[in-house]
Amino acid sequence: MDAARAARETSAMARYHHDVYASANTPRYLVVLDLQWQIIECERLEPCADLRCAMTTTIGRLVADGWKLESSVKFGFVFLNRQGIRRLLILTERDPLDRRPQAFSPFK
């Protein structure tokens, strides 16, 4: 198999990688949740906001408060830990205060 054909097949079969930090025309939300999905804090980010900067700023504030990151923020979320207490920081397009059902049901 020649290199050009291999490249075409690889790109055609490659997985789509969603860029969670890409500029968006709709609001986004930075949410800190406990492990029972209770909202600890929520910040609404305006459309076209610098999402990576907002995440970095929030993480900086939380780290200054003693929270430690458990992993990378590459996918738009990270678990935090402080003295055995865990939290989840997530960047999402869904308003966490919107209580409408989140799943489609064909039975409704």
N, C-alpha and C. Protein backbone atom coordinates (compact mmCIF):
# COMPACT_ATOMS: atom_id res chain seq x y z
N MET A 1 0.86 -1.18 0.00
CA MET A 1 0.00 0.00 0.00
C MET A 1 0.91 1.24 0.00
N ASP A 2 0.65 2.18 -0.91
CA ASP A 2 1.48 3.36 -0.97
C ASP A 2 1.10 4.35 0.14
N ALA A 3 1.98 5.30 0.42
CA ALA A 3 1.79 6.24 1.53
C ALA A 3 0.56 7.13 1.33
N ALA A 4 0.29 7.56 0.10
CA ALA A 4 -0.86 8.45 -0.15
C ALA A 4 -2.17 7.71 0.14
N ARG A 5 -2.24 6.46 -0.29
CA ARG A 5 -3.46 5.68 -0.04
C ARG A 5 -3.63 5.43 1.46
N ALA A 6 -2.57 5.11 2.13
CA ALA A 6 -2.62 4.87 3.58
C ALA A 6 -3.09 6.12 4.32
N ALA A 7 -2.62 7.28 3.89
CA ALA A 7 -3.02 8.55 4.53
C ALA A 7 -4.51 8.81 4.32
N ARG A 8 -5.01 8.55 3.11
CA ARG A 8 -6.44 8.76 2.82
C ARG A 8 -7.29 7.85 3.69
N GLU A 9 -6.92 6.59 3.79
CA GLU A 9 -7.69 5.64 4.59
C GLU A 9 -7.63 5.98 6.06
N THR A 10 -6.48 6.39 6.53
CA THR A 10 -6.33 6.74 7.94
C THR A 10 -7.19 7.96 8.27
N SER A 11 -7.17 8.99 7.43
CA SER A 11 -7.96 10.18 7.72
C SER A 11 -9.45 9.90 7.61
N ALA A 12 -9.83 9.02 6.70
CA ALA A 12 -11.25 8.68 6.55
C ALA A 12 -11.75 7.89 7.75
N MET A 13 -10.87 7.12 8.36
CA MET A 13 -11.27 6.30 9.50
C MET A 13 -10.94 6.95 10.84
N ALA A 14 -10.29 8.09 10.81
CA ALA A 14 -9.90 8.74 12.06
C ALA A 14 -11.12 9.15 12.86
N ARG A 15 -10.98 9.13 14.16
CA ARG A 15 -12.06 9.52 15.04
C ARG A 15 -12.15 11.04 15.10
N TYR A 16 -13.37 11.52 15.30
CA TYR A 16 -13.58 12.96 15.47
C TYR A 16 -13.20 13.34 16.89
N HIS A 17 -12.42 14.39 17.02
CA HIS A 17 -12.01 14.87 18.34
C HIS A 17 -12.66 16.23 18.58
N HIS A 18 -13.61 16.27 19.48
CA HIS A 18 -14.33 17.49 19.81
C HIS A 18 -13.39 18.43 20.58
N ASP A 19 -13.30 19.68 20.14
CA ASP A 19 -12.49 20.67 20.83
C ASP A 19 -13.39 21.42 21.81
N VAL A 20 -13.36 21.01 23.05
CA VAL A 20 -14.24 21.59 24.07
C VAL A 20 -13.93 23.07 24.31
N TYR A 21 -12.72 23.49 23.98
CA TYR A 21 -12.32 24.88 24.21
C TYR A 21 -12.49 25.78 22.98
N ALA A 22 -13.07 25.28 21.92
CA ALA A 22 -13.30 26.07 20.72
C ALA A 22 -14.30 27.19 21.00
N SER A 23 -14.14 28.31 20.35
CA SER A 23 -15.06 29.43 20.52
C SER A 23 -16.47 28.99 20.12
N ALA A 24 -17.45 29.39 20.92
CA ALA A 24 -18.83 28.97 20.68
C ALA A 24 -19.75 30.19 20.58
N ASN A 25 -20.82 30.05 19.82
CA ASN A 25 -21.79 31.13 19.67
C ASN A 25 -22.91 31.07 20.69
N THR A 26 -22.82 30.13 21.60
CA THR A 26 -23.82 30.00 22.67
C THR A 26 -23.08 30.02 24.00
N PRO A 27 -23.80 30.33 25.08
CA PRO A 27 -23.13 30.37 26.39
C PRO A 27 -22.58 29.01 26.81
N ARG A 28 -21.58 29.04 27.64
CA ARG A 28 -21.02 27.84 28.26
C ARG A 28 -21.04 28.08 29.78
N TYR A 29 -20.86 27.02 30.52
CA TYR A 29 -20.93 27.10 31.99
C TYR A 29 -19.75 26.37 32.58
N LEU A 30 -19.11 27.00 33.55
CA LEU A 30 -18.08 26.36 34.36
C LEU A 30 -18.75 26.00 35.68
N VAL A 31 -18.80 24.71 35.98
CA VAL A 31 -19.56 24.24 37.13
C VAL A 31 -18.67 23.40 38.03
N VAL A 32 -18.77 23.65 39.32
CA VAL A 32 -18.13 22.80 40.32
C VAL A 32 -19.24 22.01 40.99
N LEU A 33 -19.09 20.67 40.96
CA LEU A 33 -20.09 19.77 41.52
C LEU A 33 -19.47 18.89 42.59
N ASP A 34 -20.30 18.48 43.57
CA ASP A 34 -19.82 17.45 44.47
C ASP A 34 -20.09 16.10 43.83
N LEU A 35 -19.75 15.02 44.48
CA LEU A 35 -19.89 13.71 43.85
C LEU A 35 -21.32 13.19 43.83
N GLN A 36 -22.25 13.94 44.40
CA GLN A 36 -23.68 13.62 44.30
C GLN A 36 -24.37 14.54 43.30
N TRP A 37 -23.59 15.20 42.45
CA TRP A 37 -24.06 16.09 41.39
C TRP A 37 -24.78 17.33 41.93
N GLN A 38 -24.48 17.73 43.15
CA GLN A 38 -25.01 18.98 43.69
C GLN A 38 -24.09 20.12 43.26
N ILE A 39 -24.69 21.20 42.79
CA ILE A 39 -23.90 22.34 42.30
C ILE A 39 -23.31 23.09 43.49
N ILE A 40 -21.99 23.24 43.47
CA ILE A 40 -21.28 24.01 44.49
C ILE A 40 -21.16 25.45 44.00
N GLU A 41 -20.78 25.61 42.75
CA GLU A 41 -20.73 26.93 42.13
C GLU A 41 -20.92 26.80 40.63
N CYS A 42 -21.38 27.88 40.03
CA CYS A 42 -21.65 27.88 38.59
C CYS A 42 -21.36 29.27 38.04
N GLU A 43 -20.61 29.31 36.95
CA GLU A 43 -20.31 30.57 36.28
C GLU A 43 -20.75 30.48 34.83
N ARG A 44 -21.59 31.41 34.41
CA ARG A 44 -22.03 31.47 33.02
C ARG A 44 -21.00 32.25 32.21
N LEU A 45 -20.56 31.66 31.10
CA LEU A 45 -19.60 32.30 30.21
C LEU A 45 -20.33 32.76 28.97
N GLU A 46 -20.14 33.97 28.60
CA GLU A 46 -20.81 34.56 27.44
C GLU A 46 -20.36 33.89 26.15
N PRO A 47 -21.21 33.94 25.10
CA PRO A 47 -20.80 33.40 23.81
C PRO A 47 -19.48 34.02 23.35
N CYS A 48 -18.67 33.25 22.68
CA CYS A 48 -17.36 33.67 22.16
C CYS A 48 -16.34 34.00 23.24
N ALA A 49 -16.59 33.59 24.48
CA ALA A 49 -15.62 33.80 25.57
C ALA A 49 -14.41 32.91 25.33
N ASP A 50 -13.28 33.29 25.90
CA ASP A 50 -12.07 32.47 25.83
C ASP A 50 -12.22 31.36 26.88
N LEU A 51 -12.68 30.20 26.44
CA LEU A 51 -13.01 29.10 27.35
C LEU A 51 -11.78 28.53 28.04
N ARG A 52 -10.69 28.42 27.32
CA ARG A 52 -9.46 27.91 27.94
C ARG A 52 -8.97 28.85 29.04
N CYS A 53 -9.04 30.15 28.79
CA CYS A 53 -8.63 31.14 29.80
C CYS A 53 -9.55 31.08 31.02
N ALA A 54 -10.85 30.94 30.79
CA ALA A 54 -11.80 30.86 31.90
C ALA A 54 -11.53 29.62 32.75
N MET A 55 -11.26 28.50 32.11
CA MET A 55 -10.95 27.26 32.84
C MET A 55 -9.65 27.43 33.63
N THR A 56 -8.64 28.00 33.00
CA THR A 56 -7.35 28.20 33.66
C THR A 56 -7.48 29.13 34.86
N THR A 57 -8.26 30.19 34.71
CA THR A 57 -8.47 31.14 35.81
C THR A 57 -9.19 30.47 36.98
N THR A 58 -10.21 29.69 36.68
CA THR A 58 -10.96 28.99 37.73
C THR A 58 -10.07 27.97 38.43
N ILE A 59 -9.29 27.24 37.67
CA ILE A 59 -8.38 26.26 38.28
C ILE A 59 -7.36 26.96 39.16
N GLY A 60 -6.84 28.08 38.70
CA GLY A 60 -5.88 28.84 39.50
C GLY A 60 -6.47 29.26 40.84
N ARG A 61 -7.72 29.71 40.81
CA ARG A 61 -8.39 30.12 42.05
C ARG A 61 -8.59 28.93 42.98
N LEU A 62 -9.02 27.80 42.42
CA LEU A 62 -9.25 26.62 43.24
C LEU A 62 -7.95 26.06 43.82
N VAL A 63 -6.89 26.06 43.02
CA VAL A 63 -5.58 25.60 43.51
C VAL A 63 -5.10 26.51 44.63
N ALA A 64 -5.31 27.82 44.49
CA ALA A 64 -4.92 28.76 45.54
C ALA A 64 -5.71 28.50 46.83
N ASP A 65 -6.92 27.93 46.70
CA ASP A 65 -7.73 27.58 47.87
C ASP A 65 -7.37 26.21 48.44
N GLY A 66 -6.36 25.55 47.87
CA GLY A 66 -5.89 24.28 48.41
C GLY A 66 -6.33 23.04 47.66
N TRP A 67 -7.07 23.19 46.57
CA TRP A 67 -7.53 22.04 45.80
C TRP A 67 -6.39 21.56 44.90
N LYS A 68 -6.30 20.25 44.71
CA LYS A 68 -5.29 19.65 43.83
C LYS A 68 -5.99 18.97 42.67
N LEU A 69 -5.45 19.15 41.47
CA LEU A 69 -6.00 18.50 40.29
C LEU A 69 -5.61 17.04 40.29
N GLU A 70 -6.54 16.16 39.92
CA GLU A 70 -6.26 14.74 39.86
C GLU A 70 -5.86 14.28 38.46
N SER A 71 -6.04 15.14 37.46
CA SER A 71 -5.71 14.75 36.09
C SER A 71 -5.59 16.00 35.22
N SER A 72 -5.49 15.79 33.94
CA SER A 72 -5.41 16.86 32.95
C SER A 72 -6.79 17.45 32.68
N VAL A 73 -6.83 18.69 32.21
CA VAL A 73 -8.10 19.34 31.86
C VAL A 73 -8.33 19.30 30.34
N LYS A 74 -7.65 18.42 29.66
CA LYS A 74 -7.68 18.32 28.21
C LYS A 74 -9.10 18.15 27.65
N PHE A 75 -9.95 17.44 28.37
CA PHE A 75 -11.28 17.14 27.86
C PHE A 75 -12.37 18.06 28.42
N GLY A 76 -11.98 19.10 29.14
CA GLY A 76 -12.96 20.07 29.63
C GLY A 76 -13.52 19.76 31.01
N PHE A 77 -12.93 18.81 31.69
CA PHE A 77 -13.33 18.54 33.07
C PHE A 77 -12.14 17.99 33.84
N VAL A 78 -12.21 18.12 35.15
CA VAL A 78 -11.14 17.60 36.00
C VAL A 78 -11.71 17.37 37.40
N PHE A 79 -11.27 16.29 38.03
CA PHE A 79 -11.61 16.06 39.43
C PHE A 79 -10.58 16.78 40.28
N LEU A 80 -11.05 17.34 41.37
CA LEU A 80 -10.21 18.07 42.31
C LEU A 80 -10.31 17.37 43.66
N ASN A 81 -9.26 17.50 44.47
CA ASN A 81 -9.24 16.86 45.78
C ASN A 81 -8.61 17.81 46.79
N ARG A 82 -9.23 17.89 47.95
CA ARG A 82 -8.67 18.67 49.05
C ARG A 82 -9.04 17.97 50.34
N GLN A 83 -8.04 17.46 51.03
CA GLN A 83 -8.22 16.79 52.32
C GLN A 83 -9.27 15.68 52.24
N GLY A 84 -9.20 14.89 51.18
CA GLY A 84 -10.10 13.76 51.02
C GLY A 84 -11.47 14.09 50.46
N ILE A 85 -11.75 15.35 50.21
CA ILE A 85 -13.02 15.77 49.61
C ILE A 85 -12.79 15.95 48.11
N ARG A 86 -13.67 15.36 47.31
CA ARG A 86 -13.52 15.45 45.85
C ARG A 86 -14.61 16.33 45.26
N ARG A 87 -14.24 17.05 44.22
CA ARG A 87 -15.16 17.88 43.45
C ARG A 87 -14.88 17.63 41.98
N LEU A 88 -15.85 17.98 41.14
CA LEU A 88 -15.69 17.89 39.69
C LEU A 88 -15.87 19.29 39.13
N LEU A 89 -14.89 19.76 38.38
CA LEU A 89 -14.98 21.02 37.65
C LEU A 89 -15.20 20.64 36.20
N ILE A 90 -16.28 21.17 35.60
CA ILE A 90 -16.61 20.80 34.23
C ILE A 90 -17.03 22.03 33.44
N LEU A 91 -16.60 22.07 32.19
CA LEU A 91 -17.02 23.09 31.24
C LEU A 91 -18.10 22.45 30.38
N THR A 92 -19.29 23.03 30.39
CA THR A 92 -20.41 22.40 29.69
C THR A 92 -21.25 23.43 28.95
N GLU A 93 -21.94 22.98 27.92
CA GLU A 93 -22.85 23.87 27.19
C GLU A 93 -24.25 23.81 27.76
N ARG A 94 -24.51 22.85 28.62
CA ARG A 94 -25.84 22.71 29.23
C ARG A 94 -25.91 23.52 30.51
N ASP A 95 -26.94 24.35 30.61
CA ASP A 95 -27.16 25.14 31.81
C ASP A 95 -27.47 24.19 32.96
N PRO A 96 -26.64 24.14 33.98
CA PRO A 96 -26.87 23.19 35.07
C PRO A 96 -28.11 23.51 35.91
N LEU A 97 -28.63 24.71 35.77
CA LEU A 97 -29.84 25.08 36.51
C LEU A 97 -31.10 24.74 35.73
N ASP A 98 -30.96 24.31 34.48
CA ASP A 98 -32.08 23.90 33.65
C ASP A 98 -32.48 22.48 34.08
N ARG A 99 -33.65 22.34 34.65
CA ARG A 99 -34.07 21.05 35.20
C ARG A 99 -34.89 20.18 34.24
N ARG A 100 -34.99 20.60 32.98
CA ARG A 100 -35.70 19.77 32.00
C ARG A 100 -34.94 18.44 31.81
N PRO A 101 -35.64 17.38 31.43
CA PRO A 101 -34.97 16.11 31.22
C PRO A 101 -33.85 16.23 30.19
N GLN A 102 -32.77 15.51 30.41
CA GLN A 102 -31.62 15.61 29.52
C GLN A 102 -31.59 14.50 28.48
N ALA A 103 -32.43 13.52 28.61
CA ALA A 103 -32.39 12.39 27.68
C ALA A 103 -33.66 12.34 26.85
N PHE A 104 -33.53 11.84 25.64
CA PHE A 104 -34.67 11.64 24.77
C PHE A 104 -35.37 10.35 25.17
N SER A 105 -36.68 10.38 25.25
CA SER A 105 -37.45 9.18 25.54
C SER A 105 -38.50 8.98 24.45
N PRO A 106 -38.47 7.85 23.75
CA PRO A 106 -39.46 7.60 22.71
C PRO A 106 -40.83 7.27 23.29
N PHE A 107 -40.92 7.11 24.60
CA PHE A 107 -42.18 6.70 25.24
C PHE A 107 -43.01 7.88 25.72
N LYS A 108 -42.55 9.08 25.51
CA LYS A 108 -43.31 10.27 25.95
C LYS A 108 -44.19 10.76 24.85
